[in-house]
């Protein structure tokens, strides 16, 4: 009987030892395999090279990659601009010490334009193109608008007074290289070569230049 009791005690001790070993193994395993959710994740995103590229000028809104057109753009109001026109001086006739010649404006652009009124006309001289004397006096009333298609012309009659008719002391004669001309409704001037002599003084009795309103045609009969 005593032997049987000893045997049962030995079995119980052995079982307890096995259980303790198993428990220790399980605890070590759990500590070695922590859940993935307990480790914070770190994300690194590489910068995109395209985000730092600067746009080219041609890609910007409203930018133009080409040169301006060779032909001038039409004026918003339809009026002829200096760049639309070619200037010339036709043959004239004289009367009472004044020569009258047509100042001709020809549309050389690729679009039609409108011309109306009085051009601004004055003598210029010297290398700097300074004005010589007063600008041309306007004579008559403003005419109707004239539409010039490509190649068509209009003219204004300009009167050139013979300056020998003026007292030299009052006239102050000076060499002239040509005419500075402003087309009607325009702020950009044109130049026409015309070597002559003008009065530098604006105190002369009368006007050395006069101009009439624009008319259709070239003024040549």
C-alpha atoms as a PDB file:
ATOM      1  CA  UNK A   1       0.000   0.000   0.000  1.00  0.00           C
ATOM      2  CA  UNK A   2       2.774   2.345   0.900  1.00  0.00           C
ATOM      3  CA  UNK A   3       4.489   1.609  -2.391  1.00  0.00           C
ATOM      4  CA  UNK A   4       1.370   2.442  -4.365  1.00  0.00           C
ATOM      5  CA  UNK A   5       1.034   5.789  -2.586  1.00  0.00           C
ATOM      6  CA  UNK A   6       4.626   6.677  -3.397  1.00  0.00           C
ATOM      7  CA  UNK A   7       4.023   5.875  -7.024  1.00  0.00           C
ATOM      8  CA  UNK A   8       0.969   8.158  -7.159  1.00  0.00           C
ATOM      9  CA  UNK A   9       2.926  11.015  -5.552  1.00  0.00           C
ATOM     10  CA  UNK A  10       5.715  10.586  -8.118  1.00  0.00           C
ATOM     11  CA  UNK A  11       3.289  10.727 -11.015  1.00  0.00           C
ATOM     12  CA  UNK A  12       1.707  13.895  -9.607  1.00  0.00           C
ATOM     13  CA  UNK A  13       5.071  15.588  -9.229  1.00  0.00           C
ATOM     14  CA  UNK A  14       6.085  14.655 -12.765  1.00  0.00           C
ATOM     15  CA  UNK A  15       2.833  15.983 -14.182  1.00  0.00           C
ATOM     16  CA  UNK A  16       3.282  19.266 -12.345  1.00  0.00           C
ATOM     17  CA  UNK A  17       6.799  19.597 -13.729  1.00  0.00           C
ATOM     18  CA  UNK A  18       5.628  18.982 -17.288  1.00  0.00           C
ATOM     19  CA  UNK A  19       2.876  21.582 -16.883  1.00  0.00           C
ATOM     20  CA  UNK A  20       5.349  24.173 -15.593  1.00  0.00           C
ATOM     21  CA  UNK A  21       7.695  23.575 -18.530  1.00  0.00           C
ATOM     22  CA  UNK A  22       4.833  23.875 -21.019  1.00  0.00           C
ATOM     23  CA  UNK A  23       3.655  27.120 -19.431  1.00  0.00           C
ATOM     24  CA  UNK A  24       7.140  28.614 -19.620  1.00  0.00           C
ATOM     25  CA  UNK A  25       7.443  27.655 -23.299  1.00  0.00           C
ATOM     26  CA  UNK A  26       4.101  29.209 -24.175  1.00  0.00           C
ATOM     27  CA  UNK A  27       5.008  32.482 -22.401  1.00  0.00           C
ATOM     28  CA  UNK A  28       8.300  32.741 -24.266  1.00  0.00           C
ATOM     29  CA  UNK A  29       6.572  32.132 -27.564  1.00  0.00           C
ATOM     30  CA  UNK A  30       3.993  34.873 -26.935  1.00  0.00           C
ATOM     31  CA  UNK A  31       6.687  37.409 -25.987  1.00  0.00           C
ATOM     32  CA  UNK A  32       8.684  36.659 -29.131  1.00  0.00           C
ATOM     33  CA  UNK A  33       5.699  37.141 -31.490  1.00  0.00           C
ATOM     34  CA  UNK A  34       4.134  40.516 -30.641  1.00  0.00           C
ATOM     35  CA  UNK A  35       1.072  41.467 -32.759  1.00  0.00           C
ATOM     36  CA  UNK A  36       1.907  43.534 -35.870  1.00  0.00           C
ATOM     37  CA  UNK A  37      -0.632  46.182 -34.853  1.00  0.00           C
ATOM     38  CA  UNK A  38       1.478  47.170 -31.863  1.00  0.00           C
ATOM     39  CA  UNK A  39       4.388  48.374 -34.119  1.00  0.00           C
ATOM     40  CA  UNK A  40       3.719  51.881 -35.617  1.00  0.00           C
ATOM     41  CA  UNK A  41       4.166  51.980 -39.413  1.00  0.00           C
ATOM     42  CA  UNK A  42       6.394  54.649 -41.072  1.00  0.00           C
ATOM     43  CA  UNK A  43       5.669  55.706 -44.660  1.00  0.00           C
ATOM     44  CA  UNK A  44       8.271  57.601 -46.757  1.00  0.00           C
ATOM     45  CA  UNK A  45       7.167  59.104 -50.056  1.00  0.00           C
ATOM     46  CA  UNK A  46       9.831  60.162 -52.533  1.00  0.00           C
ATOM     47  CA  UNK A  47       9.248  63.618 -54.069  1.00  0.00           C
ATOM     48  CA  UNK A  48       8.105  63.591 -57.659  1.00  0.00           C
ATOM     49  CA  UNK A  49      10.592  65.197 -60.053  1.00  0.00           C
ATOM     50  CA  UNK A  50       7.769  66.602 -62.181  1.00  0.00           C
ATOM     51  CA  UNK A  51       6.444  68.632 -59.265  1.00  0.00           C
ATOM     52  CA  UNK A  52       9.568  70.810 -59.232  1.00  0.00           C
ATOM     53  CA  UNK A  53       9.809  71.380 -62.996  1.00  0.00           C
ATOM     54  CA  UNK A  54       9.070  74.993 -64.071  1.00  0.00           C
ATOM     55  CA  UNK A  55       6.649  75.412 -66.971  1.00  0.00           C
ATOM     56  CA  UNK A  56       8.111  76.747 -70.203  1.00  0.00           C
ATOM     57  CA  UNK A  57       6.942  80.204 -71.338  1.00  0.00           C
ATOM     58  CA  UNK A  58       4.982  78.706 -74.232  1.00  0.00           C
ATOM     59  CA  UNK A  59       3.010  76.564 -71.775  1.00  0.00           C
ATOM     60  CA  UNK A  60       1.846  79.500 -69.668  1.00  0.00           C
ATOM     61  CA  UNK A  61      -1.730  80.696 -70.235  1.00  0.00           C
ATOM     62  CA  UNK A  62      -1.863  83.526 -72.709  1.00  0.00           C
ATOM     63  CA  UNK A  63       1.795  83.237 -73.726  1.00  0.00           C
ATOM     64  CA  UNK A  64       2.824  83.331 -77.331  1.00  0.00           C
ATOM     65  CA  UNK A  65       5.666  81.263 -78.575  1.00  0.00           C
ATOM     66  CA  UNK A  66       6.031  82.981 -81.939  1.00  0.00           C
ATOM     67  CA  UNK A  67       6.885  86.411 -83.300  1.00  0.00           C
ATOM     68  CA  UNK A  68       4.275  89.042 -84.016  1.00  0.00           C
ATOM     69  CA  UNK A  69       2.608  88.882 -87.411  1.00  0.00           C
ATOM     70  CA  UNK A  70       4.376  90.730 -90.195  1.00  0.00           C
ATOM     71  CA  UNK A  71       1.155  92.488 -91.194  1.00  0.00           C
ATOM     72  CA  UNK A  72      -0.376  94.884 -88.643  1.00  0.00           C
ATOM     73  CA  UNK A  73      -3.577  93.818 -86.913  1.00  0.00           C
ATOM     74  CA  UNK A  74      -6.728  95.807 -87.782  1.00  0.00           C
ATOM     75  CA  UNK A  75      -7.500  98.728 -85.496  1.00  0.00           C
ATOM     76  CA  UNK A  76     -10.312  98.032 -83.035  1.00  0.00           C
ATOM     77  CA  UNK A  77     -12.328 100.940 -84.502  1.00  0.00           C
ATOM     78  CA  UNK A  78     -11.427 100.115 -88.084  1.00  0.00           C
ATOM     79  CA  UNK A  79      -9.322 103.240 -88.663  1.00  0.00           C
ATOM     80  CA  UNK A  80      -6.211 103.029 -90.818  1.00  0.00           C
ATOM     81  CA  UNK A  81      -2.969 102.939 -88.858  1.00  0.00           C
ATOM     82  CA  UNK A  82       0.358 104.287 -90.087  1.00  0.00           C
ATOM     83  CA  UNK A  83       1.584 100.710 -90.509  1.00  0.00           C
ATOM     84  CA  UNK A  84      -1.340 100.046 -92.873  1.00  0.00           C
ATOM     85  CA  UNK A  85      -0.410 102.853 -95.245  1.00  0.00           C
ATOM     86  CA  UNK A  86       2.108 103.943 -97.853  1.00  0.00           C
ATOM     87  CA  UNK A  87       2.602 107.679 -98.294  1.00  0.00           C
ATOM     88  CA  UNK A  88       3.299 109.520-101.553  1.00  0.00           C
ATOM     89  CA  UNK A  89       2.982 112.996-103.030  1.00  0.00           C
ATOM     90  CA  UNK A  90       1.259 113.448-106.369  1.00  0.00           C
ATOM     91  CA  UNK A  91       1.664 116.080-109.037  1.00  0.00           C
ATOM     92  CA  UNK A  92       0.017 119.420-108.358  1.00  0.00           C
ATOM     93  CA  UNK A  93      -0.817 122.812-109.683  1.00  0.00           C
ATOM     94  CA  UNK A  94      -0.041 126.335-108.561  1.00  0.00           C
ATOM     95  CA  UNK A  95      -2.195 129.341-107.868  1.00  0.00           C
ATOM     96  CA  UNK A  96      -1.286 132.785-106.460  1.00  0.00           C
ATOM     97  CA  UNK A  97       2.071 131.750-105.037  1.00  0.00           C
ATOM     98  CA  UNK A  98       0.850 128.410-103.609  1.00  0.00           C
ATOM     99  CA  UNK A  99       1.410 124.935-105.049  1.00  0.00           C
ATOM    100  CA  UNK A 100      -1.333 122.382-104.314  1.00  0.00           C
ATOM    101  CA  UNK A 101      -0.381 118.709-104.357  1.00  0.00           C
ATOM    102  CA  UNK A 102      -2.263 115.556-103.336  1.00  0.00           C
ATOM    103  CA  UNK A 103      -0.838 113.737-100.301  1.00  0.00           C
ATOM    104  CA  UNK A 104      -1.787 110.143-101.074  1.00  0.00           C
ATOM    105  CA  UNK A 105      -2.452 107.370 -98.539  1.00  0.00           C
ATOM    106  CA  UNK A 106      -2.503 103.833-100.015  1.00  0.00           C
ATOM    107  CA  UNK A 107      -3.652 100.809 -98.041  1.00  0.00           C
ATOM    108  CA  UNK A 108      -0.831  98.249 -98.217  1.00  0.00           C
ATOM    109  CA  UNK A 109      -2.139  95.982 -95.422  1.00  0.00           C
ATOM    110  CA  UNK A 110      -4.025  92.693 -95.913  1.00  0.00           C
ATOM    111  CA  UNK A 111      -7.259  94.107 -94.474  1.00  0.00           C
ATOM    112  CA  UNK A 112      -9.575  97.030 -95.161  1.00  0.00           C
ATOM    113  CA  UNK A 113      -9.496 100.141 -92.984  1.00  0.00           C
ATOM    114  CA  UNK A 114     -11.278 103.473 -92.673  1.00  0.00           C
ATOM    115  CA  UNK A 115      -9.728 106.915 -93.092  1.00  0.00           C
ATOM    116  CA  UNK A 116     -11.519 110.191 -92.359  1.00  0.00           C
ATOM    117  CA  UNK A 117     -10.698 113.804 -91.610  1.00  0.00           C
ATOM    118  CA  UNK A 118      -7.552 115.898 -91.709  1.00  0.00           C
ATOM    119  CA  UNK A 119      -4.006 114.525 -91.562  1.00  0.00           C
ATOM    120  CA  UNK A 120      -1.430 116.380 -89.512  1.00  0.00           C
ATOM    121  CA  UNK A 121       1.311 117.804 -91.749  1.00  0.00           C
ATOM    122  CA  UNK A 122       4.456 119.748 -90.897  1.00  0.00           C
ATOM    123  CA  UNK A 123       7.941 120.446 -92.221  1.00  0.00           C
ATOM    124  CA  UNK A 124      10.875 118.749 -90.489  1.00  0.00           C
ATOM    125  CA  UNK A 125      14.607 119.380 -90.767  1.00  0.00           C
ATOM    126  CA  UNK A 126      17.986 118.455 -89.373  1.00  0.00           C
ATOM    127  CA  UNK A 127      19.304 115.073 -88.341  1.00  0.00           C
ATOM    128  CA  UNK A 128      16.937 115.062 -85.372  1.00  0.00           C
ATOM    129  CA  UNK A 129      13.823 115.652 -87.488  1.00  0.00           C
ATOM    130  CA  UNK A 130      12.758 118.772 -85.587  1.00  0.00           C
ATOM    131  CA  UNK A 131       9.667 120.615 -86.758  1.00  0.00           C
ATOM    132  CA  UNK A 132      10.234 123.669 -88.916  1.00  0.00           C
ATOM    133  CA  UNK A 133       7.547 126.305 -88.414  1.00  0.00           C
ATOM    134  CA  UNK A 134       3.880 125.766 -87.671  1.00  0.00           C
ATOM    135  CA  UNK A 135       1.903 122.709 -88.746  1.00  0.00           C
ATOM    136  CA  UNK A 136      -0.439 122.927 -91.729  1.00  0.00           C
ATOM    137  CA  UNK A 137      -3.635 124.906 -91.273  1.00  0.00           C
ATOM    138  CA  UNK A 138      -6.842 122.928 -91.791  1.00  0.00           C
ATOM    139  CA  UNK A 139      -9.087 124.289 -94.503  1.00  0.00           C
ATOM    140  CA  UNK A 140     -12.725 123.352 -95.099  1.00  0.00           C
ATOM    141  CA  UNK A 141     -14.889 120.848 -93.232  1.00  0.00           C
ATOM    142  CA  UNK A 142     -14.295 117.246 -92.234  1.00  0.00           C
ATOM    143  CA  UNK A 143     -15.318 114.787 -94.924  1.00  0.00           C
ATOM    144  CA  UNK A 144     -17.166 111.475 -94.735  1.00  0.00           C
ATOM    145  CA  UNK A 145     -15.392 108.235 -93.760  1.00  0.00           C
ATOM    146  CA  UNK A 146     -13.703 106.386 -96.615  1.00  0.00           C
ATOM    147  CA  UNK A 147     -13.154 102.634 -96.596  1.00  0.00           C
ATOM    148  CA  UNK A 148      -9.887 101.581 -98.197  1.00  0.00           C
ATOM    149  CA  UNK A 149      -9.541  98.002 -99.360  1.00  0.00           C
ATOM    150  CA  UNK A 150      -6.097  96.587-100.002  1.00  0.00           C
ATOM    151  CA  UNK A 151      -4.400  98.628-102.749  1.00  0.00           C
ATOM    152  CA  UNK A 152      -6.934 101.487-102.671  1.00  0.00           C
ATOM    153  CA  UNK A 153      -5.977 105.117-102.017  1.00  0.00           C
ATOM    154  CA  UNK A 154      -7.298 108.348-100.576  1.00  0.00           C
ATOM    155  CA  UNK A 155      -5.705 111.790-100.604  1.00  0.00           C
ATOM    156  CA  UNK A 156      -5.632 115.141 -98.866  1.00  0.00           C
ATOM    157  CA  UNK A 157      -4.716 118.287-100.799  1.00  0.00           C
ATOM    158  CA  UNK A 158      -1.760 120.110 -99.246  1.00  0.00           C
ATOM    159  CA  UNK A 159      -0.943 123.730-100.078  1.00  0.00           C
ATOM    160  CA  UNK A 160       2.739 124.761-100.163  1.00  0.00           C
ATOM    161  CA  UNK A 161       3.190 128.535-100.043  1.00  0.00           C
ATOM    162  CA  UNK A 162       6.222 129.959-101.846  1.00  0.00           C
ATOM    163  CA  UNK A 163       8.190 131.276 -98.869  1.00  0.00           C
ATOM    164  CA  UNK A 164       9.865 133.949-100.971  1.00  0.00           C
ATOM    165  CA  UNK A 165       6.539 135.724-100.602  1.00  0.00           C
ATOM    166  CA  UNK A 166       7.330 136.311 -96.901  1.00  0.00           C
ATOM    167  CA  UNK A 167       9.697 138.860 -95.420  1.00  0.00           C
ATOM    168  CA  UNK A 168      12.934 136.915 -94.630  1.00  0.00           C
ATOM    169  CA  UNK A 169      13.190 138.564 -91.204  1.00  0.00           C
ATOM    170  CA  UNK A 170       9.727 137.297 -90.320  1.00  0.00           C
ATOM    171  CA  UNK A 171      10.111 133.934 -92.082  1.00  0.00           C
ATOM    172  CA  UNK A 172      13.579 132.938 -90.878  1.00  0.00           C
ATOM    173  CA  UNK A 173      14.180 130.547 -93.831  1.00  0.00           C
ATOM    174  CA  UNK A 174      15.592 127.141 -92.936  1.00  0.00           C
ATOM    175  CA  UNK A 175      16.388 123.988 -94.943  1.00  0.00           C
ATOM    176  CA  UNK A 176      13.685 121.321 -94.818  1.00  0.00           C
ATOM    177  CA  UNK A 177      14.275 117.591 -95.310  1.00  0.00           C
ATOM    178  CA  UNK A 178      10.678 116.493 -95.704  1.00  0.00           C
ATOM    179  CA  UNK A 179       7.196 116.176 -94.208  1.00  0.00           C
ATOM    180  CA  UNK A 180       6.064 114.593 -90.968  1.00  0.00           C
ATOM    181  CA  UNK A 181       2.544 113.251 -91.485  1.00  0.00           C
ATOM    182  CA  UNK A 182       0.013 111.914 -88.988  1.00  0.00           C
ATOM    183  CA  UNK A 183      -2.859 110.027 -90.650  1.00  0.00           C
ATOM    184  CA  UNK A 184      -6.266 111.016 -89.244  1.00  0.00           C
ATOM    185  CA  UNK A 185      -7.155 109.309 -85.921  1.00  0.00           C
ATOM    186  CA  UNK A 186      -3.526 108.164 -85.537  1.00  0.00           C
ATOM    187  CA  UNK A 187      -0.709 109.001 -83.122  1.00  0.00           C
ATOM    188  CA  UNK A 188       2.162 107.331 -85.016  1.00  0.00           C
ATOM    189  CA  UNK A 189       3.728 109.583 -87.633  1.00  0.00           C
ATOM    190  CA  UNK A 190       4.987 108.875 -91.147  1.00  0.00           C
ATOM    191  CA  UNK A 191       7.780 110.597 -93.061  1.00  0.00           C
ATOM    192  CA  UNK A 192       7.912 111.754 -96.658  1.00  0.00           C
ATOM    193  CA  UNK A 193      11.179 112.968 -98.183  1.00  0.00           C
ATOM    194  CA  UNK A 194      10.779 116.468 -99.680  1.00  0.00           C
ATOM    195  CA  UNK A 195      13.918 118.682 -99.710  1.00  0.00           C
ATOM    196  CA  UNK A 196      12.933 122.352 -99.795  1.00  0.00           C
ATOM    197  CA  UNK A 197      13.046 125.512 -97.679  1.00  0.00           C
ATOM    198  CA  UNK A 198      10.575 126.473 -94.968  1.00  0.00           C
ATOM    199  CA  UNK A 199       9.924 129.260 -92.501  1.00  0.00           C
ATOM    200  CA  UNK A 200      11.238 128.422 -89.055  1.00  0.00           C
ATOM    201  CA  UNK A 201       9.172 131.196 -87.500  1.00  0.00           C
ATOM    202  CA  UNK A 202       5.457 130.803 -86.794  1.00  0.00           C
ATOM    203  CA  UNK A 203       5.039 134.589 -86.798  1.00  0.00           C
ATOM    204  CA  UNK A 204       4.599 134.890 -90.560  1.00  0.00           C
ATOM    205  CA  UNK A 205       1.430 136.558 -91.894  1.00  0.00           C
ATOM    206  CA  UNK A 206      -0.454 133.471 -92.974  1.00  0.00           C
ATOM    207  CA  UNK A 207       0.511 129.804 -93.147  1.00  0.00           C
ATOM    208  CA  UNK A 208       3.292 128.177 -95.143  1.00  0.00           C
ATOM    209  CA  UNK A 209       1.301 124.897 -95.235  1.00  0.00           C
ATOM    210  CA  UNK A 210      -2.411 124.132 -95.497  1.00  0.00           C
ATOM    211  CA  UNK A 211      -4.326 120.857 -95.706  1.00  0.00           C
ATOM    212  CA  UNK A 212      -7.829 119.801 -96.722  1.00  0.00           C
ATOM    213  CA  UNK A 213      -9.894 116.815 -95.647  1.00  0.00           C
ATOM    214  CA  UNK A 214      -9.288 113.297 -96.970  1.00  0.00           C
ATOM    215  CA  UNK A 215     -11.012 112.399-100.242  1.00  0.00           C
ATOM    216  CA  UNK A 216     -11.369 109.161-102.195  1.00  0.00           C
ATOM    217  CA  UNK A 217      -8.826 108.459-104.932  1.00  0.00           C
ATOM    218  CA  UNK A 218      -5.343 109.732-105.698  1.00  0.00           C
ATOM    219  CA  UNK A 219      -6.145 113.323-106.669  1.00  0.00           C
ATOM    220  CA  UNK A 220      -4.715 112.688-110.144  1.00  0.00           C
ATOM    221  CA  UNK A 221      -7.042 113.467-113.071  1.00  0.00           C
END
